[in-house]
C-alpha atoms as a PDB file:
ATOM      1  CA  MET A   1      -9.187  16.481  48.388  1.00  0.00           C
ATOM      2  CA  SER A   2      -6.197  15.987  50.673  1.00  0.00           C
ATOM      3  CA  LYS A   3      -2.654  14.984  48.856  1.00  0.00           C
ATOM      4  CA  ALA A   4      -2.726  11.756  50.336  1.00  0.00           C
ATOM      5  CA  SER A   5      -6.299  10.427  49.160  1.00  0.00           C
ATOM      6  CA  CYS A   6      -4.946  11.876  45.811  1.00  0.00           C
ATOM      7  CA  ILE A   7      -1.722   9.684  45.859  1.00  0.00           C
ATOM      8  CA  VAL A   8      -4.013   6.897  47.147  1.00  0.00           C
ATOM      9  CA  ARG A   9      -5.886   7.052  44.067  1.00  0.00           C
ATOM     10  CA  MET A  10      -3.085   7.360  41.790  1.00  0.00           C
ATOM     11  CA  ILE A  11      -1.409   4.307  43.138  1.00  0.00           C
ATOM     12  CA  MET A  12      -5.179   1.947  42.544  1.00  0.00           C
ATOM     13  CA  VAL A  13      -5.066   3.861  39.005  1.00  0.00           C
ATOM     14  CA  GLY A  14      -1.863   2.545  38.236  1.00  0.00           C
ATOM     15  CA  MET A  15      -2.462  -0.876  39.977  1.00  0.00           C
ATOM     16  CA  MET A  16      -5.807  -1.408  37.658  1.00  0.00           C
ATOM     17  CA  ILE A  17      -3.461  -0.263  35.169  1.00  0.00           C
ATOM     18  CA  THR A  18      -0.758  -2.901  35.699  1.00  0.00           C
ATOM     19  CA  VAL A  19      -3.676  -5.620  36.067  1.00  0.00           C
ATOM     20  CA  THR A  20      -5.425  -5.075  33.089  1.00  0.00           C
ATOM     21  CA  ARG A  21      -2.121  -4.959  31.363  1.00  0.00           C
ATOM     22  CA  ALA A  22      -1.227  -8.514  32.792  1.00  0.00           C
ATOM     23  CA  HIS A  23      -4.671  -9.657  31.755  1.00  0.00           C
ATOM     24  CA  TYR A  24      -4.722  -8.227  28.019  1.00  0.00           C
ATOM     25  CA  ALA A  25      -0.924  -8.875  27.070  1.00  0.00           C
ATOM     26  CA  ILE A  26      -0.544  -7.024  23.691  1.00  0.00           C
ATOM     27  CA  ASN A  27       0.377  -9.582  21.280  1.00  0.00           C
ATOM     28  CA  TYR A  28       2.137  -7.710  18.453  1.00  0.00           C
ATOM     29  CA  LYS A  29       2.743 -10.825  16.231  1.00  0.00           C
ATOM     30  CA  GLU A  30      -0.494 -11.175  15.952  1.00  0.00           C
ATOM     31  CA  ALA A  31      -1.428  -7.049  15.433  1.00  0.00           C
ATOM     32  CA  LEU A  32       1.995  -7.607  12.674  1.00  0.00           C
ATOM     33  CA  GLY A  33       0.250 -10.159  11.113  1.00  0.00           C
ATOM     34  CA  LYS A  34      -3.169  -9.010  10.674  1.00  0.00           C
ATOM     35  CA  SER A  35      -2.067  -5.508   9.475  1.00  0.00           C
ATOM     36  CA  ILE A  36      -0.149  -7.060   6.537  1.00  0.00           C
ATOM     37  CA  LEU A  37      -2.961  -9.229   5.975  1.00  0.00           C
ATOM     38  CA  PHE A  38      -5.029  -6.354   5.162  1.00  0.00           C
ATOM     39  CA  PHE A  39      -3.469  -5.488   2.091  1.00  0.00           C
ATOM     40  CA  GLU A  40      -4.514  -8.578   1.035  1.00  0.00           C
ATOM     41  CA  GLY A  41      -8.030  -7.746   1.236  1.00  0.00           C
ATOM     42  CA  GLN A  42      -7.331  -4.513  -0.981  1.00  0.00           C
ATOM     43  CA  ARG A  43      -5.698  -6.413  -3.859  1.00  0.00           C
ATOM     44  CA  SER A  44      -7.121  -5.473  -7.361  1.00  0.00           C
ATOM     45  CA  GLY A  45      -5.989  -7.539 -10.394  1.00  0.00           C
ATOM     46  CA  LYS A  46      -5.561 -11.362 -11.056  1.00  0.00           C
ATOM     47  CA  LEU A  47      -4.823 -12.439  -7.129  1.00  0.00           C
ATOM     48  CA  PRO A  48      -2.219 -15.453  -6.911  1.00  0.00           C
ATOM     49  CA  HIS A  49      -2.413 -18.690  -5.709  1.00  0.00           C
ATOM     50  CA  SER A  50      -0.707 -18.030  -2.831  1.00  0.00           C
ATOM     51  CA  GLN A  51      -3.843 -15.029  -1.959  1.00  0.00           C
ATOM     52  CA  ARG A  52      -4.905 -15.987   2.138  1.00  0.00           C
ATOM     53  CA  MET A  53      -7.805 -13.993   1.939  1.00  0.00           C
ATOM     54  CA  LYS A  54     -10.030 -16.383   0.242  1.00  0.00           C
ATOM     55  CA  TRP A  55     -13.052 -14.624  -0.445  1.00  0.00           C
ATOM     56  CA  ARG A  56     -11.576 -11.920  -2.446  1.00  0.00           C
ATOM     57  CA  LYS A  57     -11.792 -13.081  -6.041  1.00  0.00           C
ATOM     58  CA  ASP A  58     -10.121 -11.492  -9.710  1.00  0.00           C
ATOM     59  CA  SER A  59     -11.430  -8.118 -10.257  1.00  0.00           C
ATOM     60  CA  ALA A  60     -10.632  -5.017 -12.793  1.00  0.00           C
ATOM     61  CA  LEU A  61      -9.049  -7.315 -15.280  1.00  0.00           C
ATOM     62  CA  SER A  62      -9.698  -4.398 -18.110  1.00  0.00           C
ATOM     63  CA  ASP A  63      -8.293  -1.785 -15.943  1.00  0.00           C
ATOM     64  CA  GLY A  64      -5.885   0.629 -18.766  1.00  0.00           C
ATOM     65  CA  SER A  65      -7.676  -0.618 -21.324  1.00  0.00           C
ATOM     66  CA  ASP A  66      -9.098   2.589 -22.510  1.00  0.00           C
ATOM     67  CA  ILE A  67      -5.541   4.112 -22.906  1.00  0.00           C
ATOM     68  CA  ARG A  68      -3.971   0.620 -24.256  1.00  0.00           C
ATOM     69  CA  MET A  69      -1.942   0.349 -21.348  1.00  0.00           C
ATOM     70  CA  ASN A  70      -2.480  -2.948 -18.884  1.00  0.00           C
ATOM     71  CA  MET A  71      -2.977  -1.468 -15.127  1.00  0.00           C
ATOM     72  CA  VAL A  72      -4.721  -4.384 -13.907  1.00  0.00           C
ATOM     73  CA  GLY A  73      -3.263  -4.903 -10.075  1.00  0.00           C
ATOM     74  CA  GLY A  74      -2.251  -2.537  -7.143  1.00  0.00           C
ATOM     75  CA  TYR A  75      -4.803  -1.637  -4.589  1.00  0.00           C
ATOM     76  CA  TYR A  76      -8.500  -0.271  -3.697  1.00  0.00           C
ATOM     77  CA  ASP A  77      -8.406   2.583  -1.945  1.00  0.00           C
ATOM     78  CA  ALA A  78      -9.839   2.384   2.019  1.00  0.00           C
ATOM     79  CA  GLY A  79     -13.451   1.232   0.686  1.00  0.00           C
ATOM     80  CA  ASP A  80     -14.021   2.305  -2.763  1.00  0.00           C
ATOM     81  CA  ASN A  81     -12.996   0.664  -6.007  1.00  0.00           C
ATOM     82  CA  VAL A  82     -10.815   3.406  -7.056  1.00  0.00           C
ATOM     83  CA  LYS A  83      -7.225   3.035  -7.294  1.00  0.00           C
ATOM     84  CA  PHE A  84      -5.814   6.434  -6.125  1.00  0.00           C
ATOM     85  CA  HIS A  85      -1.736   6.463  -6.860  1.00  0.00           C
ATOM     86  CA  PHE A  86      -0.665   9.145  -4.568  1.00  0.00           C
ATOM     87  CA  PRO A  87      -2.056   6.956  -1.612  1.00  0.00           C
ATOM     88  CA  MET A  88      -0.914   3.971  -3.165  1.00  0.00           C
ATOM     89  CA  ALA A  89       2.625   5.453  -3.275  1.00  0.00           C
ATOM     90  CA  PHE A  90       2.560   6.576  -0.203  1.00  0.00           C
ATOM     91  CA  THR A  91       1.691   3.104   1.735  1.00  0.00           C
ATOM     92  CA  THR A  92       4.273   1.687  -0.692  1.00  0.00           C
ATOM     93  CA  THR A  93       6.880   3.630   0.751  1.00  0.00           C
ATOM     94  CA  MET A  94       6.096   3.317   4.385  1.00  0.00           C
ATOM     95  CA  LEU A  95       5.887  -0.579   3.577  1.00  0.00           C
ATOM     96  CA  ALA A  96       9.385  -0.394   2.181  1.00  0.00           C
ATOM     97  CA  TRP A  97      10.675   1.891   5.234  1.00  0.00           C
ATOM     98  CA  SER A  98       9.113  -0.339   7.535  1.00  0.00           C
ATOM     99  CA  VAL A  99      11.298  -3.582   6.263  1.00  0.00           C
ATOM    100  CA  VAL A 100      14.299  -1.708   6.035  1.00  0.00           C
ATOM    101  CA  GLU A 101      13.865  -0.080   9.933  1.00  0.00           C
ATOM    102  CA  PHE A 102      12.330  -3.336  11.170  1.00  0.00           C
ATOM    103  CA  GLY A 103      12.610  -6.179   8.781  1.00  0.00           C
ATOM    104  CA  ASP A 104      14.668  -8.279  11.088  1.00  0.00           C
ATOM    105  CA  LEU A 105      12.573  -8.147  13.616  1.00  0.00           C
ATOM    106  CA  MET A 106       9.688  -9.666  11.675  1.00  0.00           C
ATOM    107  CA  GLY A 107      10.305 -12.969  11.586  1.00  0.00           C
ATOM    108  CA  SER A 108       7.888 -15.113   9.396  1.00  0.00           C
ATOM    109  CA  GLU A 109       5.662 -12.377   8.418  1.00  0.00           C
ATOM    110  CA  LEU A 110       8.975 -10.200   6.595  1.00  0.00           C
ATOM    111  CA  LYS A 111       8.202 -12.366   3.370  1.00  0.00           C
ATOM    112  CA  ASN A 112       4.238 -11.204   3.191  1.00  0.00           C
ATOM    113  CA  ALA A 113       5.495  -7.856   3.915  1.00  0.00           C
ATOM    114  CA  LEU A 114       7.681  -8.108   0.894  1.00  0.00           C
ATOM    115  CA  ASP A 115       4.772  -9.346  -1.188  1.00  0.00           C
ATOM    116  CA  ALA A 116       2.258  -6.541  -0.013  1.00  0.00           C
ATOM    117  CA  ILE A 117       5.496  -3.986  -1.191  1.00  0.00           C
ATOM    118  CA  ARG A 118       6.078  -5.742  -4.265  1.00  0.00           C
ATOM    119  CA  TRP A 119       2.028  -6.033  -5.517  1.00  0.00           C
ATOM    120  CA  GLY A 120       2.508  -2.291  -4.623  1.00  0.00           C
ATOM    121  CA  THR A 121       5.638  -1.843  -7.199  1.00  0.00           C
ATOM    122  CA  ASP A 122       4.430  -4.071  -9.788  1.00  0.00           C
ATOM    123  CA  TYR A 123       1.579  -1.826 -10.705  1.00  0.00           C
ATOM    124  CA  LEU A 124       3.959   1.299  -9.868  1.00  0.00           C
ATOM    125  CA  MET A 125       6.210  -0.004 -12.393  1.00  0.00           C
ATOM    126  CA  LYS A 126       2.864  -0.232 -15.058  1.00  0.00           C
ATOM    127  CA  ALA A 127       1.695   2.976 -14.404  1.00  0.00           C
ATOM    128  CA  THR A 128       5.241   4.348 -15.023  1.00  0.00           C
ATOM    129  CA  ASN A 129       6.102   2.219 -18.022  1.00  0.00           C
ATOM    130  CA  ILE A 130       5.669   4.984 -20.448  1.00  0.00           C
ATOM    131  CA  PRO A 131       8.631   7.439 -20.703  1.00  0.00           C
ATOM    132  CA  ASN A 132       6.917  11.091 -19.424  1.00  0.00           C
ATOM    133  CA  MET A 133       3.768   9.856 -18.802  1.00  0.00           C
ATOM    134  CA  VAL A 134       2.526   8.690 -15.166  1.00  0.00           C
ATOM    135  CA  VAL A 135      -0.656   7.164 -14.861  1.00  0.00           C
ATOM    136  CA  ALA A 136      -2.497   8.929 -11.527  1.00  0.00           C
ATOM    137  CA  GLN A 137      -5.584   7.255 -10.960  1.00  0.00           C
ATOM    138  CA  VAL A 138      -7.975   4.213 -12.517  1.00  0.00           C
ATOM    139  CA  GLY A 139     -11.645   4.075 -11.775  1.00  0.00           C
ATOM    140  CA  GLN A 140     -14.082   7.392 -12.033  1.00  0.00           C
ATOM    141  CA  PRO A 141     -14.425   8.370  -8.391  1.00  0.00           C
ATOM    142  CA  TYR A 142     -17.582  10.197  -7.985  1.00  0.00           C
ATOM    143  CA  ALA A 143     -19.579   7.104  -9.592  1.00  0.00           C
ATOM    144  CA  ASP A 144     -17.845   5.072  -7.530  1.00  0.00           C
ATOM    145  CA  HIS A 145     -18.908   6.640  -4.280  1.00  0.00           C
ATOM    146  CA  ALA A 146     -22.442   6.985  -5.611  1.00  0.00           C
ATOM    147  CA  CYS A 147     -22.285   2.583  -5.807  1.00  0.00           C
ATOM    148  CA  TRP A 148     -21.200   0.388  -2.741  1.00  0.00           C
ATOM    149  CA  GLU A 149     -20.346  -2.589  -4.204  1.00  0.00           C
ATOM    150  CA  ARG A 150     -17.326  -5.326  -4.178  1.00  0.00           C
ATOM    151  CA  PRO A 151     -14.941  -5.187  -6.558  1.00  0.00           C
ATOM    152  CA  GLU A 152     -15.776  -8.337  -8.149  1.00  0.00           C
ATOM    153  CA  ASP A 153     -19.205  -7.416  -8.750  1.00  0.00           C
ATOM    154  CA  MET A 154     -18.440  -3.413  -9.882  1.00  0.00           C
ATOM    155  CA  ASP A 155     -19.993  -2.002 -13.310  1.00  0.00           C
ATOM    156  CA  THR A 156     -18.479   1.862 -12.624  1.00  0.00           C
ATOM    157  CA  PRO A 157     -16.358   3.169 -15.320  1.00  0.00           C
ATOM    158  CA  ARG A 158     -12.956   2.439 -15.226  1.00  0.00           C
ATOM    159  CA  THR A 159     -11.476   5.583 -16.311  1.00  0.00           C
ATOM    160  CA  SER A 160      -7.326   6.408 -16.628  1.00  0.00           C
ATOM    161  CA  TYR A 161      -5.801   9.610 -15.460  1.00  0.00           C
ATOM    162  CA  TYR A 162      -2.827  10.245 -16.380  1.00  0.00           C
ATOM    163  CA  LEU A 163       0.315  12.900 -16.100  1.00  0.00           C
ATOM    164  CA  THR A 164       2.521  13.741 -18.805  1.00  0.00           C
ATOM    165  CA  LYS A 165       4.994  17.017 -19.284  1.00  0.00           C
ATOM    166  CA  GLU A 166       2.143  19.339 -20.577  1.00  0.00           C
ATOM    167  CA  LYS A 167       0.072  17.819 -17.798  1.00  0.00           C
ATOM    168  CA  PRO A 168       2.124  17.366 -14.683  1.00  0.00           C
ATOM    169  CA  GLY A 169       1.755  16.444 -11.539  1.00  0.00           C
ATOM    170  CA  SER A 170       5.017  16.427  -9.131  1.00  0.00           C
ATOM    171  CA  GLU A 171       3.615  15.383  -6.248  1.00  0.00           C
ATOM    172  CA  LEU A 172       2.386  12.075  -7.456  1.00  0.00           C
ATOM    173  CA  SER A 173       5.534  11.723  -9.647  1.00  0.00           C
ATOM    174  CA  ALA A 174       8.182  12.579  -6.562  1.00  0.00           C
ATOM    175  CA  GLU A 175       6.134   9.952  -4.126  1.00  0.00           C
ATOM    176  CA  ILE A 176       6.004   7.300  -6.741  1.00  0.00           C
ATOM    177  CA  ALA A 177       9.816   7.562  -7.010  1.00  0.00           C
ATOM    178  CA  ALA A 178      10.149   7.338  -3.908  1.00  0.00           C
ATOM    179  CA  ALA A 179       8.336   4.464  -3.460  1.00  0.00           C
ATOM    180  CA  LEU A 180      10.177   2.876  -5.786  1.00  0.00           C
ATOM    181  CA  ALA A 181      13.340   4.013  -4.320  1.00  0.00           C
ATOM    182  CA  ALA A 182      12.728   2.984  -0.636  1.00  0.00           C
ATOM    183  CA  SER A 183      11.120  -0.506  -2.015  1.00  0.00           C
ATOM    184  CA  SER A 184      14.663  -0.901  -3.939  1.00  0.00           C
ATOM    185  CA  ILE A 185      16.492  -0.821  -0.585  1.00  0.00           C
ATOM    186  CA  ALA A 186      14.002  -3.048   0.760  1.00  0.00           C
ATOM    187  CA  PHE A 187      14.424  -5.966  -1.727  1.00  0.00           C
ATOM    188  CA  ARG A 188      18.169  -5.423  -1.985  1.00  0.00           C
ATOM    189  CA  THR A 189      19.422  -8.136  -0.061  1.00  0.00           C
ATOM    190  CA  THR A 190      16.714 -10.381  -0.849  1.00  0.00           C
ATOM    191  CA  HIS A 191      16.183  -9.243  -4.833  1.00  0.00           C
ATOM    192  CA  ALA A 192      19.017  -7.422  -5.954  1.00  0.00           C
ATOM    193  CA  SER A 193      17.817  -7.537  -9.993  1.00  0.00           C
ATOM    194  CA  TYR A 194      14.532  -6.410  -9.168  1.00  0.00           C
ATOM    195  CA  SER A 195      16.222  -3.907  -6.251  1.00  0.00           C
ATOM    196  CA  ASN A 196      17.996  -2.446  -9.290  1.00  0.00           C
ATOM    197  CA  ILE A 197      15.293  -2.241 -11.736  1.00  0.00           C
ATOM    198  CA  LEU A 198      12.768  -0.488  -9.241  1.00  0.00           C
ATOM    199  CA  LEU A 199      15.917   2.064  -8.655  1.00  0.00           C
ATOM    200  CA  LYS A 200      16.412   2.957 -12.309  1.00  0.00           C
ATOM    201  CA  ARG A 201      12.718   3.296 -12.742  1.00  0.00           C
ATOM    202  CA  ALA A 202      12.640   5.963  -9.705  1.00  0.00           C
ATOM    203  CA  ILE A 203      15.593   7.493 -11.808  1.00  0.00           C
ATOM    204  CA  ARG A 204      13.636   7.990 -14.477  1.00  0.00           C
ATOM    205  CA  VAL A 205      10.463   8.941 -12.892  1.00  0.00           C
ATOM    206  CA  LEU A 206      12.460  11.693 -11.370  1.00  0.00           C
ATOM    207  CA  LEU A 207      13.412  13.371 -14.407  1.00  0.00           C
ATOM    208  CA  LEU A 208       9.883  13.656 -15.241  1.00  0.00           C
ATOM    209  CA  LEU A 209       9.588  16.255 -12.783  1.00  0.00           C
ATOM    210  CA  LEU A 210      12.697  18.579 -14.253  1.00  0.00           C
END
């Protein structure tokens, strides 16, 4: 193939890409809105009136009862009904930093983003409510993964698993502390008192690692 024909082909491909991009303009606003809306579909617990995904209902309202704690709320993991607190905390951290870095560009979605963060942090506050203890997971994973059902109808064990100084888990404790600390920054200008509460709890969770 000659050099000229290669250049012509490259130009044609470039024109096709340009035309395609012009015809299918990327709607970042819609992508942002749907990305945040996804988290509402993953919510566990007593859903608020502001819930936009109306086909989702209350679920797992007795979580934590096996250890005499209120672990209602938080997010389900992927397509299961287990609440794994490590990925939940990491997700909350990333959401928080997204608001810190790009919140001024989110427009009307900023409130929804903050709501998504708070749904996670309110739950992580419950998971760290007892000093020197961190709830790590709610839901028996093997039973859950063997049964495909929506959370409103689930009948699998809601076993709670937790960490202590005698049975530590530094990765999870550190990630929850990071999620709470990052979220405290995200809420600093809109909800200063809540921001301070998150920061104090983040410090307390970090002390569990010492």
